[in-house]
């Protein structure tokens, strides 16, 4: 029987529990250093605050796990990388603590010293626990304790590459004990320190008389692999069949079935159902809050827009969304009614190098429009697009139709996700970036590196950029 590899958070349950214990220990340290007493052992009324915080910390920690990728590749990280990941994990937890205190209206009653000490101690203790636990896991894996025995079956022309890819990582659940070369008799030789234990003629006999748990069949062998795999499964062995070499494909890939086909699916980034669901929840909650702000802005600025330029308050325009889909985008109008006609006269003043149009001190903008754009107030109605599902809060800038028509093939990569109100480009300079290829590079980087944690960081940076009025013209 083959035990399927653990996926998602279950795979790192040990680290999740350790992080929870570290957070609890950190709050104890903070309270002890401030009050020289221990939570749960004293009867002072205000200690209930810290007791309640200690009880809610595991929930905050689990919520943080859902919104970050803090455990991805944890065993392969260096100590510096682990420190960076630990700090980010603790920042998310600390943000959750602030939200809890604000929601319960108890912020004022907590000691700043105790909470500050708790924050510092959480980073130190969490990092210490992780490093020690990783060291124990690595030592155990290096001893090959309880590892399953694997035999690799390949041809002479591919066996070197096959072994280099799967046989030498010290942190796998299996150990390659030998290799069988099926198109040459190399029995008795060694390849990359691994003995050749069989050929095509005596492979089945070797498997019958030796301890073998799993067999890896290289997909480049020209033997009848399906027939061989069937015979091996009948012997009670677990068989892994390599379907395709993926060194020339994108690194993100999953196995799927379409009808009776088993396919390897690859993309710039593959999000699981949990991540997609949480991103949509963030969009809906953010859109509801944003539409409330839109209503307030409408009451304040609609009369001014009407006075300065008679016409509709809102501006609608066709934009290009996910993978070329067209949709109507909504904004507060910041230009005169004849802005689109006058654009043709200003094309030679375009400051952007590529398929975007932008000029400084655009004469088509009405007086209040400069203020609305500086603080991105004109973008608020797009929260309706987010609620509908045409856009996301974080994504890539949706291009105009004429911009899209001039796209080169590699430019379309930035449209592989829903467009967003904000994104990597907006928090990296916005209008200060003149090169469209730089915009494309930032957008594709966002898509490749996407995570819920990255979205949160971009949202926080966007808030700082908007309130500073930086980069928008």
Protein backbone atom coordinates (compact mmCIF):
# COMPACT_ATOMS: atom_id res chain seq x y z
CA UNK A 1 0.00 0.00 0.00
CA UNK A 2 1.22 3.47 -0.88
CA UNK A 3 0.64 6.31 1.54
CA UNK A 4 -0.11 9.45 -0.44
CA UNK A 5 2.09 12.42 0.43
CA UNK A 6 0.53 14.91 2.79
CA UNK A 7 -0.73 18.08 1.18
CA UNK A 8 -1.56 21.60 2.27
CA UNK A 9 -1.38 22.53 5.95
CA UNK A 10 -1.53 18.91 7.17
CA UNK A 11 1.97 18.35 5.81
CA UNK A 12 3.33 20.97 8.22
CA UNK A 13 1.10 20.31 11.21
CA UNK A 14 4.16 19.91 13.44
CA UNK A 15 5.44 23.39 12.56
CA UNK A 16 1.96 24.89 13.00
CA UNK A 17 1.73 23.46 16.52
CA UNK A 18 5.27 24.66 17.32
CA UNK A 19 4.41 28.17 16.11
CA UNK A 20 1.31 28.18 18.32
CA UNK A 21 3.37 27.12 21.33
CA UNK A 22 5.94 29.80 20.52
CA UNK A 23 3.23 32.48 20.42
CA UNK A 24 1.82 31.31 23.77
CA UNK A 25 5.27 31.31 25.34
CA UNK A 26 5.91 34.79 23.96
CA UNK A 27 2.76 36.24 25.57
CA UNK A 28 3.76 34.63 28.88
CA UNK A 29 7.20 36.26 28.58
CA UNK A 30 5.70 39.68 27.84
CA UNK A 31 3.32 39.56 30.79
CA UNK A 32 5.93 38.16 33.19
CA UNK A 33 8.52 40.81 32.37
CA UNK A 34 5.94 43.57 32.81
CA UNK A 35 4.04 42.37 35.89
CA UNK A 36 6.48 39.80 37.36
CA UNK A 37 3.70 37.26 37.54
CA UNK A 38 2.26 34.50 35.38
CA UNK A 39 -1.04 34.50 33.52
CA UNK A 40 -3.69 32.08 34.85
CA UNK A 41 -2.03 32.02 38.31
CA UNK A 42 -3.11 35.49 39.41
CA UNK A 43 -6.55 36.87 40.16
CA UNK A 44 -6.08 40.49 39.10
CA UNK A 45 -9.02 41.59 36.98
CA UNK A 46 -6.92 43.04 34.15
CA UNK A 47 -5.16 39.70 33.66
CA UNK A 48 -8.35 38.49 31.99
CA UNK A 49 -7.28 40.57 28.99
CA UNK A 50 -4.08 38.62 28.57
CA UNK A 51 -5.79 35.31 29.34
CA UNK A 52 -8.32 35.97 26.57
CA UNK A 53 -5.52 36.99 24.20
CA UNK A 54 -3.65 33.77 24.97
CA UNK A 55 -6.82 31.78 24.20
CA UNK A 56 -7.43 33.51 20.86
CA UNK A 57 -3.78 33.29 19.68
CA UNK A 58 -4.15 29.76 18.15
CA UNK A 59 -7.12 30.97 16.10
CA UNK A 60 -5.15 34.01 14.91
CA UNK A 61 -2.20 31.78 14.02
CA UNK A 62 -4.36 29.36 12.00
CA UNK A 63 -5.98 32.28 10.18
CA UNK A 64 -2.54 33.60 9.32
CA UNK A 65 -1.60 30.21 7.87
CA UNK A 66 -4.53 30.49 5.45
CA UNK A 67 -3.34 33.89 4.21
CA UNK A 68 0.34 33.10 3.74
CA UNK A 69 2.72 30.50 2.33
CA UNK A 70 4.99 30.56 5.36
CA UNK A 71 5.67 26.80 5.36
CA UNK A 72 6.40 26.28 1.66
CA UNK A 73 9.84 24.67 1.25
CA UNK A 74 10.56 25.07 4.95
CA UNK A 75 13.10 22.23 5.15
CA UNK A 76 15.15 23.63 2.26
CA UNK A 77 15.47 27.16 3.65
CA UNK A 78 18.72 28.62 4.91
CA UNK A 79 18.82 30.20 8.36
CA UNK A 80 18.57 33.68 6.83
CA UNK A 81 15.59 32.67 4.70
CA UNK A 82 13.97 31.12 7.75
CA UNK A 83 14.46 34.34 9.72
CA UNK A 84 12.77 36.35 6.96
CA UNK A 85 9.87 33.88 6.81
CA UNK A 86 9.54 33.88 10.60
CA UNK A 87 9.38 37.68 10.76
CA UNK A 88 6.69 37.75 8.06
CA UNK A 89 4.71 35.03 9.88
CA UNK A 90 4.89 36.97 13.15
CA UNK A 91 3.92 40.25 11.45
CA UNK A 92 0.74 38.59 10.17
CA UNK A 93 0.02 37.20 13.64
CA UNK A 94 0.68 40.56 15.27
CA UNK A 95 -1.65 42.23 12.78
CA UNK A 96 -4.28 39.68 13.80
CA UNK A 97 -3.70 40.57 17.47
CA UNK A 98 -4.26 44.26 16.71
CA UNK A 99 -7.47 43.46 14.82
CA UNK A 100 -8.65 41.40 17.80
CA UNK A 101 -7.85 44.18 20.28
CA UNK A 102 -9.51 46.79 18.08
CA UNK A 103 -12.58 44.61 17.53
CA UNK A 104 -13.00 44.01 21.27
CA UNK A 105 -12.25 47.70 22.03
CA UNK A 106 -9.58 46.75 24.56
CA UNK A 107 -6.51 48.30 22.89
CA UNK A 108 -6.21 51.02 25.51
CA UNK A 109 -6.07 48.53 28.42
CA UNK A 110 -3.08 46.52 27.25
CA UNK A 111 0.42 47.42 28.38
CA UNK A 112 2.51 48.65 25.45
CA UNK A 113 5.60 47.18 27.07
CA UNK A 114 3.96 43.76 27.49
CA UNK A 115 2.63 43.71 23.91
CA UNK A 116 5.92 45.01 22.48
CA UNK A 117 7.88 42.39 24.40
CA UNK A 118 5.42 39.76 23.21
CA UNK A 119 6.04 40.78 19.57
CA UNK A 120 9.83 40.59 19.89
CA UNK A 121 9.71 37.35 21.89
CA UNK A 122 7.37 35.77 19.32
CA UNK A 123 9.95 36.30 16.56
CA UNK A 124 12.84 34.99 18.67
CA UNK A 125 11.04 31.95 20.11
CA UNK A 126 9.36 31.00 16.83
CA UNK A 127 12.67 31.20 14.98
CA UNK A 128 14.44 29.16 17.66
CA UNK A 129 11.73 26.46 17.66
CA UNK A 130 11.76 26.21 13.86
CA UNK A 131 15.54 25.97 13.54
CA UNK A 132 15.83 23.31 16.25
CA UNK A 133 12.93 21.25 14.89
CA UNK A 134 14.27 21.43 11.33
CA UNK A 135 17.65 20.24 12.55
CA UNK A 136 16.03 17.22 14.23
CA UNK A 137 13.99 16.38 11.12
CA UNK A 138 17.02 16.67 8.84
CA UNK A 139 19.14 14.45 11.08
CA UNK A 140 16.40 11.84 11.17
CA UNK A 141 16.01 11.88 7.38
CA UNK A 142 19.76 11.67 6.85
CA UNK A 143 19.77 8.46 8.89
CA UNK A 144 17.35 6.94 6.34
CA UNK A 145 15.10 5.78 9.17
CA UNK A 146 11.83 4.29 7.90
CA UNK A 147 12.54 5.37 4.31
CA UNK A 148 10.96 3.28 1.58
CA UNK A 149 13.29 1.38 -0.74
CA UNK A 150 13.08 2.43 -4.41
CA UNK A 151 14.51 0.96 -7.64
CA UNK A 152 14.85 3.17 -10.74
CA UNK A 153 14.25 1.62 -14.17
CA UNK A 154 15.69 3.59 -17.10
CA UNK A 155 17.67 3.42 -20.34
CA UNK A 156 21.40 4.06 -20.54
CA UNK A 157 20.86 7.36 -22.35
CA UNK A 158 18.56 8.78 -19.67
CA UNK A 159 19.64 7.11 -16.46
CA UNK A 160 22.16 9.85 -15.51
CA UNK A 161 19.55 12.60 -15.72
CA UNK A 162 16.94 10.47 -14.00
CA UNK A 163 19.16 9.72 -11.01
CA UNK A 164 20.37 13.32 -10.71
CA UNK A 165 16.75 14.47 -10.41
CA UNK A 166 15.34 12.00 -7.90
CA UNK A 167 18.08 10.03 -6.15
CA UNK A 168 20.26 12.52 -4.29
CA UNK A 169 17.96 14.70 -2.20
CA UNK A 170 18.50 13.80 1.48
CA UNK A 171 15.00 14.90 2.51
CA UNK A 172 12.79 12.53 0.52
CA UNK A 173 10.51 9.82 1.91
CA UNK A 174 12.36 7.16 -0.11
CA UNK A 175 15.91 6.01 -0.80
CA UNK A 176 17.07 4.83 -4.22
CA UNK A 177 18.77 1.53 -3.46
CA UNK A 178 19.59 0.54 -7.03
CA UNK A 179 18.98 1.08 -10.73
CA UNK A 180 18.02 -1.25 -13.57
CA UNK A 181 19.24 -0.33 -17.08
CA UNK A 182 16.91 -1.99 -19.57
CA UNK A 183 18.71 -1.52 -22.91
CA UNK A 184 22.21 -2.56 -21.81
CA UNK A 185 23.57 -5.12 -19.38
CA UNK A 186 25.44 -2.89 -16.91
CA UNK A 187 24.82 -5.08 -13.86
CA UNK A 188 27.57 -4.65 -11.27
CA UNK A 189 28.53 -1.13 -12.30
CA UNK A 190 27.76 2.07 -10.39
CA UNK A 191 26.09 5.23 -11.71
CA UNK A 192 26.43 8.32 -9.52
CA UNK A 193 27.29 6.06 -6.60
CA UNK A 194 24.17 3.91 -7.02
CA UNK A 195 24.65 0.24 -8.01
CA UNK A 196 23.15 -1.17 -11.20
CA UNK A 197 21.31 -4.17 -9.78
CA UNK A 198 19.46 -5.59 -12.79
CA UNK A 199 18.90 -5.56 -16.53
CA UNK A 200 15.71 -6.12 -18.52
CA UNK A 201 16.23 -9.91 -18.37
CA UNK A 202 16.50 -10.31 -14.61
CA UNK A 203 14.58 -7.24 -13.29
CA UNK A 204 11.49 -9.17 -12.21
CA UNK A 205 13.57 -11.81 -10.47
CA UNK A 206 15.55 -9.14 -8.58
CA UNK A 207 12.33 -7.48 -7.44
CA UNK A 208 10.99 -10.85 -6.30
CA UNK A 209 14.03 -11.73 -4.17
CA UNK A 210 14.96 -8.32 -2.68
CA UNK A 211 13.37 -5.74 -0.40
CA UNK A 212 11.81 -3.17 -2.73
CA UNK A 213 8.84 -0.90 -1.90
CA UNK A 214 8.60 1.33 -4.97
CA UNK A 215 9.73 1.33 -8.60
CA UNK A 216 10.28 4.47 -10.68
CA UNK A 217 9.84 3.95 -14.44
CA UNK A 218 11.55 6.62 -16.54
CA UNK A 219 9.14 7.86 -19.22
CA UNK A 220 11.84 7.75 -21.91
CA UNK A 221 12.21 3.97 -21.83
CA UNK A 222 10.89 2.28 -24.97
CA UNK A 223 9.89 -0.86 -23.12
CA UNK A 224 6.21 -1.68 -22.78
CA UNK A 225 5.84 0.32 -19.57
CA UNK A 226 2.13 -0.12 -19.03
CA UNK A 227 2.46 -3.88 -19.23
CA UNK A 228 5.49 -3.82 -16.92
CA UNK A 229 3.73 -1.52 -14.46
CA UNK A 230 0.76 -3.88 -14.36
CA UNK A 231 2.97 -6.85 -13.53
CA UNK A 232 4.77 -4.89 -10.80
CA UNK A 233 1.51 -3.77 -9.21
CA UNK A 234 0.40 -7.40 -9.17
CA UNK A 235 3.52 -8.11 -7.10
CA UNK A 236 2.35 -5.55 -4.54
CA UNK A 237 4.85 -2.85 -5.53
CA UNK A 238 4.10 0.85 -5.85
CA UNK A 239 4.92 2.10 -9.34
CA UNK A 240 5.70 5.69 -10.39
CA UNK A 241 5.58 6.29 -14.15
CA UNK A 242 7.28 9.41 -15.51
CA UNK A 243 4.98 10.76 -18.22
CA UNK A 244 7.10 13.64 -19.51
CA UNK A 245 10.37 15.46 -18.79
CA UNK A 246 9.45 18.95 -17.59
CA UNK A 247 12.78 20.79 -17.58
CA UNK A 248 11.56 22.99 -20.46
CA UNK A 249 8.15 23.70 -18.92
CA UNK A 250 7.09 26.23 -16.30
CA UNK A 251 7.81 25.07 -12.74
CA UNK A 252 4.12 25.10 -11.70
CA UNK A 253 2.42 21.87 -12.68
CA UNK A 254 -0.24 19.47 -11.46
CA UNK A 255 -1.52 16.08 -12.61
CA UNK A 256 -5.11 15.97 -13.83
CA UNK A 257 -7.48 13.66 -15.73
CA UNK A 258 -9.53 14.62 -18.78
CA UNK A 259 -11.73 11.72 -19.83
CA UNK A 260 -9.40 8.72 -19.92
CA UNK A 261 -6.32 10.93 -20.41
CA UNK A 262 -3.84 11.62 -17.62
CA UNK A 263 -2.33 15.04 -18.33
CA UNK A 264 0.34 17.24 -16.81
CA UNK A 265 -1.06 20.78 -16.47
CA UNK A 266 1.35 23.70 -16.28
CA UNK A 267 0.81 27.44 -15.94
CA UNK A 268 2.56 30.63 -14.76
CA UNK A 269 1.02 30.01 -11.36
CA UNK A 270 -1.42 27.42 -10.03
CA UNK A 271 -3.65 28.40 -7.12
CA UNK A 272 -5.47 25.78 -5.10
CA UNK A 273 -9.19 25.98 -4.34
CA UNK A 274 -8.61 27.35 -0.86
CA UNK A 275 -6.48 30.23 -2.14
CA UNK A 276 -8.93 31.09 -4.92
CA UNK A 277 -11.84 31.05 -2.47
CA UNK A 278 -10.06 33.28 0.05
CA UNK A 279 -9.02 35.75 -2.65
CA UNK A 280 -12.64 36.04 -3.77
CA UNK A 281 -13.79 36.49 -0.15
CA UNK A 282 -11.21 39.29 0.25
CA UNK A 283 -12.52 40.88 -2.95
CA UNK A 284 -16.17 40.77 -1.82
CA UNK A 285 -15.46 42.14 1.67
CA UNK A 286 -13.15 44.82 0.25
CA UNK A 287 -15.68 45.75 -2.44
CA UNK A 288 -18.45 46.25 0.12
CA UNK A 289 -16.23 48.56 2.20
CA UNK A 290 -15.04 50.31 -0.97
CA UNK A 291 -18.59 50.98 -2.19
CA UNK A 292 -19.42 52.64 1.12
CA UNK A 293 -16.42 54.95 0.56
CA UNK A 294 -17.60 55.46 -3.04
CA UNK A 295 -21.01 56.66 -1.79
CA UNK A 296 -19.35 59.15 0.55
CA UNK A 297 -17.06 60.39 -2.23
CA UNK A 298 -20.07 60.76 -4.54
CA UNK A 299 -21.86 63.04 -2.09
CA UNK A 300 -18.75 65.23 -1.77
CA UNK A 301 -17.40 65.36 -5.32
CA UNK A 302 -20.38 64.83 -7.65
CA UNK A 303 -21.58 68.46 -7.38
CA UNK A 304 -18.04 69.76 -8.01
CA UNK A 305 -17.62 67.57 -11.12
CA UNK A 306 -21.00 68.76 -12.44
CA UNK A 307 -20.11 72.43 -11.89
CA UNK A 308 -16.64 72.25 -13.45
CA UNK A 309 -17.71 70.13 -16.44
CA UNK A 310 -21.40 69.56 -17.16
CA UNK A 311 -22.08 65.92 -17.93
CA UNK A 312 -22.25 62.56 -16.16
CA UNK A 313 -20.45 62.10 -12.83
CA UNK A 314 -19.32 58.62 -13.73
CA UNK A 315 -17.10 57.66 -16.64
CA UNK A 316 -17.44 54.24 -18.28
CA UNK A 317 -14.99 52.73 -20.70
CA UNK A 318 -14.41 49.36 -22.31
CA UNK A 319 -11.29 47.69 -20.95
CA UNK A 320 -9.63 44.33 -21.57
CA UNK A 321 -9.77 41.87 -18.71
CA UNK A 322 -8.72 38.30 -18.01
CA UNK A 323 -7.35 36.62 -21.15
CA UNK A 324 -8.85 39.26 -23.46
CA UNK A 325 -12.39 39.49 -22.06
CA UNK A 326 -14.00 42.90 -22.55
CA UNK A 327 -15.85 44.65 -19.72
CA UNK A 328 -17.05 48.12 -18.71
CA UNK A 329 -14.93 49.88 -16.12
CA UNK A 330 -16.38 52.58 -13.84
CA UNK A 331 -14.66 55.74 -12.59
CA UNK A 332 -15.47 59.21 -11.33
CA UNK A 333 -15.08 61.43 -14.38
CA UNK A 334 -11.90 63.53 -14.16
CA UNK A 335 -11.73 64.81 -17.76
CA UNK A 336 -13.74 67.07 -20.01
CA UNK A 337 -16.39 65.41 -22.16
CA UNK A 338 -14.31 65.68 -25.36
CA UNK A 339 -11.23 64.01 -23.84
CA UNK A 340 -11.21 61.01 -26.17
CA UNK A 341 -11.34 63.20 -29.29
CA UNK A 342 -8.53 65.41 -28.01
CA UNK A 343 -6.32 62.39 -27.24
CA UNK A 344 -5.38 62.10 -30.92
CA UNK A 345 -3.89 65.62 -30.80
CA UNK A 346 -1.72 64.69 -27.82
CA UNK A 347 -0.30 61.33 -28.95
CA UNK A 348 3.07 62.87 -29.84
CA UNK A 349 3.44 63.99 -26.19
CA UNK A 350 3.02 60.48 -24.81
CA UNK A 351 5.60 59.87 -22.04
CA UNK A 352 5.23 56.10 -22.03
CA UNK A 353 7.55 53.91 -24.09
CA UNK A 354 5.15 51.26 -25.38
CA UNK A 355 1.47 50.41 -25.42
CA UNK A 356 0.21 52.91 -22.84
CA UNK A 357 -0.70 56.60 -22.98
CA UNK A 358 0.16 59.07 -20.23
CA UNK A 359 1.34 62.68 -20.17
CA UNK A 360 2.11 65.10 -17.35
CA UNK A 361 -0.29 68.02 -16.83
CA UNK A 362 -2.83 66.52 -19.21
CA UNK A 363 -4.94 69.51 -20.45
CA UNK A 364 -8.01 67.30 -20.72
CA UNK A 365 -8.26 66.93 -16.92
CA UNK A 366 -10.77 69.17 -15.09
CA UNK A 367 -9.49 71.10 -12.02
CA UNK A 368 -10.92 68.75 -9.39
CA UNK A 369 -9.71 65.83 -11.50
CA UNK A 370 -6.09 66.42 -10.51
CA UNK A 371 -7.01 66.01 -6.83
CA UNK A 372 -9.15 62.94 -7.50
CA UNK A 373 -6.32 61.29 -9.44
CA UNK A 374 -3.59 62.24 -6.98
CA UNK A 375 -5.34 60.33 -4.19
CA UNK A 376 -6.91 57.70 -6.51
CA UNK A 377 -10.42 58.74 -5.50
CA UNK A 378 -11.49 58.49 -9.14
CA UNK A 379 -10.84 54.73 -8.96
CA UNK A 380 -13.34 54.07 -6.14
CA UNK A 381 -16.32 53.16 -8.40
CA UNK A 382 -14.25 50.22 -9.66
CA UNK A 383 -15.18 48.44 -6.44
CA UNK A 384 -18.43 47.72 -8.31
CA UNK A 385 -16.35 45.89 -10.94
CA UNK A 386 -14.74 43.93 -8.11
CA UNK A 387 -18.10 42.98 -6.60
CA UNK A 388 -19.42 41.89 -10.00
CA UNK A 389 -16.31 39.79 -10.59
CA UNK A 390 -14.81 41.59 -13.60
CA UNK A 391 -11.88 42.75 -11.46
CA UNK A 392 -10.04 41.92 -8.27
CA UNK A 393 -8.68 44.26 -5.62
CA UNK A 394 -5.13 43.22 -6.51
CA UNK A 395 -4.22 42.29 -10.07
CA UNK A 396 -2.85 43.95 -13.19
CA UNK A 397 -3.89 47.17 -14.90
CA UNK A 398 -6.62 46.53 -17.53
CA UNK A 399 -5.53 48.00 -20.89
CA UNK A 400 -7.62 50.01 -23.34
CA UNK A 401 -8.86 48.28 -26.47
CA UNK A 402 -6.44 50.15 -28.76
CA UNK A 403 -3.54 49.35 -26.41
CA UNK A 404 -4.49 45.67 -26.44
CA UNK A 405 -4.58 45.56 -30.23
CA UNK A 406 -0.91 46.57 -30.32
CA UNK A 407 0.18 43.91 -27.80
CA UNK A 408 3.02 41.56 -28.72
CA UNK A 409 2.50 37.90 -27.80
CA UNK A 410 4.47 38.10 -24.53
CA UNK A 411 2.45 41.13 -23.39
CA UNK A 412 -0.69 39.03 -23.10
CA UNK A 413 0.85 37.12 -20.18
CA UNK A 414 -0.11 40.04 -17.91
CA UNK A 415 -3.78 39.35 -18.71
CA UNK A 416 -3.74 35.77 -17.43
CA UNK A 417 -5.46 36.89 -14.20
CA UNK A 418 -8.29 39.30 -13.41
CA UNK A 419 -7.27 42.97 -13.61
CA UNK A 420 -7.02 44.79 -10.31
CA UNK A 421 -7.58 48.15 -8.67
CA UNK A 422 -3.98 47.98 -7.56
CA UNK A 423 -0.99 45.79 -8.27
CA UNK A 424 2.77 45.47 -8.42
CA UNK A 425 3.06 48.29 -10.96
CA UNK A 426 1.03 50.74 -8.86
CA UNK A 427 3.14 50.26 -5.73
CA UNK A 428 6.43 50.31 -7.64
CA UNK A 429 6.23 53.81 -9.05
CA UNK A 430 2.93 54.06 -10.94
CA UNK A 431 3.22 57.02 -13.31
CA UNK A 432 6.96 57.35 -12.63
CA UNK A 433 7.52 54.19 -14.70
CA UNK A 434 7.80 55.18 -18.36
CA UNK A 435 8.72 51.85 -19.96
CA UNK A 436 5.78 49.56 -20.76
CA UNK A 437 8.09 46.54 -20.78
CA UNK A 438 8.87 47.32 -17.13
CA UNK A 439 5.13 47.30 -16.41
CA UNK A 440 4.81 43.91 -18.11
CA UNK A 441 7.79 42.56 -16.14
CA UNK A 442 6.27 43.70 -12.83
CA UNK A 443 2.88 42.24 -13.70
CA UNK A 444 4.26 38.86 -14.78
CA UNK A 445 6.42 38.78 -11.64
CA UNK A 446 3.27 39.32 -9.56
CA UNK A 447 1.46 36.48 -11.36
CA UNK A 448 4.38 34.06 -10.95
CA UNK A 449 4.93 34.91 -7.26
CA UNK A 450 1.26 35.30 -6.33
CA UNK A 451 0.10 34.42 -2.84
CA UNK A 452 -2.51 35.80 -0.45
CA UNK A 453 0.33 37.22 1.63
CA UNK A 454 1.66 39.11 -1.41
CA UNK A 455 -1.81 40.57 -2.02
CA UNK A 456 -1.94 41.81 1.57
CA UNK A 457 1.50 43.42 1.26
CA UNK A 458 0.47 45.17 -1.97
CA UNK A 459 -2.75 46.45 -0.37
CA UNK A 460 -0.81 47.88 2.59
CA UNK A 461 1.72 49.51 0.24
CA UNK A 462 -1.12 50.90 -1.87
CA UNK A 463 -2.68 52.56 1.18
CA UNK A 464 0.68 54.24 1.93
CA UNK A 465 1.11 55.31 -1.71
CA UNK A 466 -2.44 56.70 -1.98
CA UNK A 467 -2.33 58.70 1.24
CA UNK A 468 1.07 60.05 0.18
CA UNK A 469 -0.32 61.00 -3.23
CA UNK A 470 2.82 59.56 -4.87
CA UNK A 471 3.24 58.49 -8.44
CA UNK A 472 -0.19 59.44 -9.81
CA UNK A 473 -0.74 62.08 -12.49
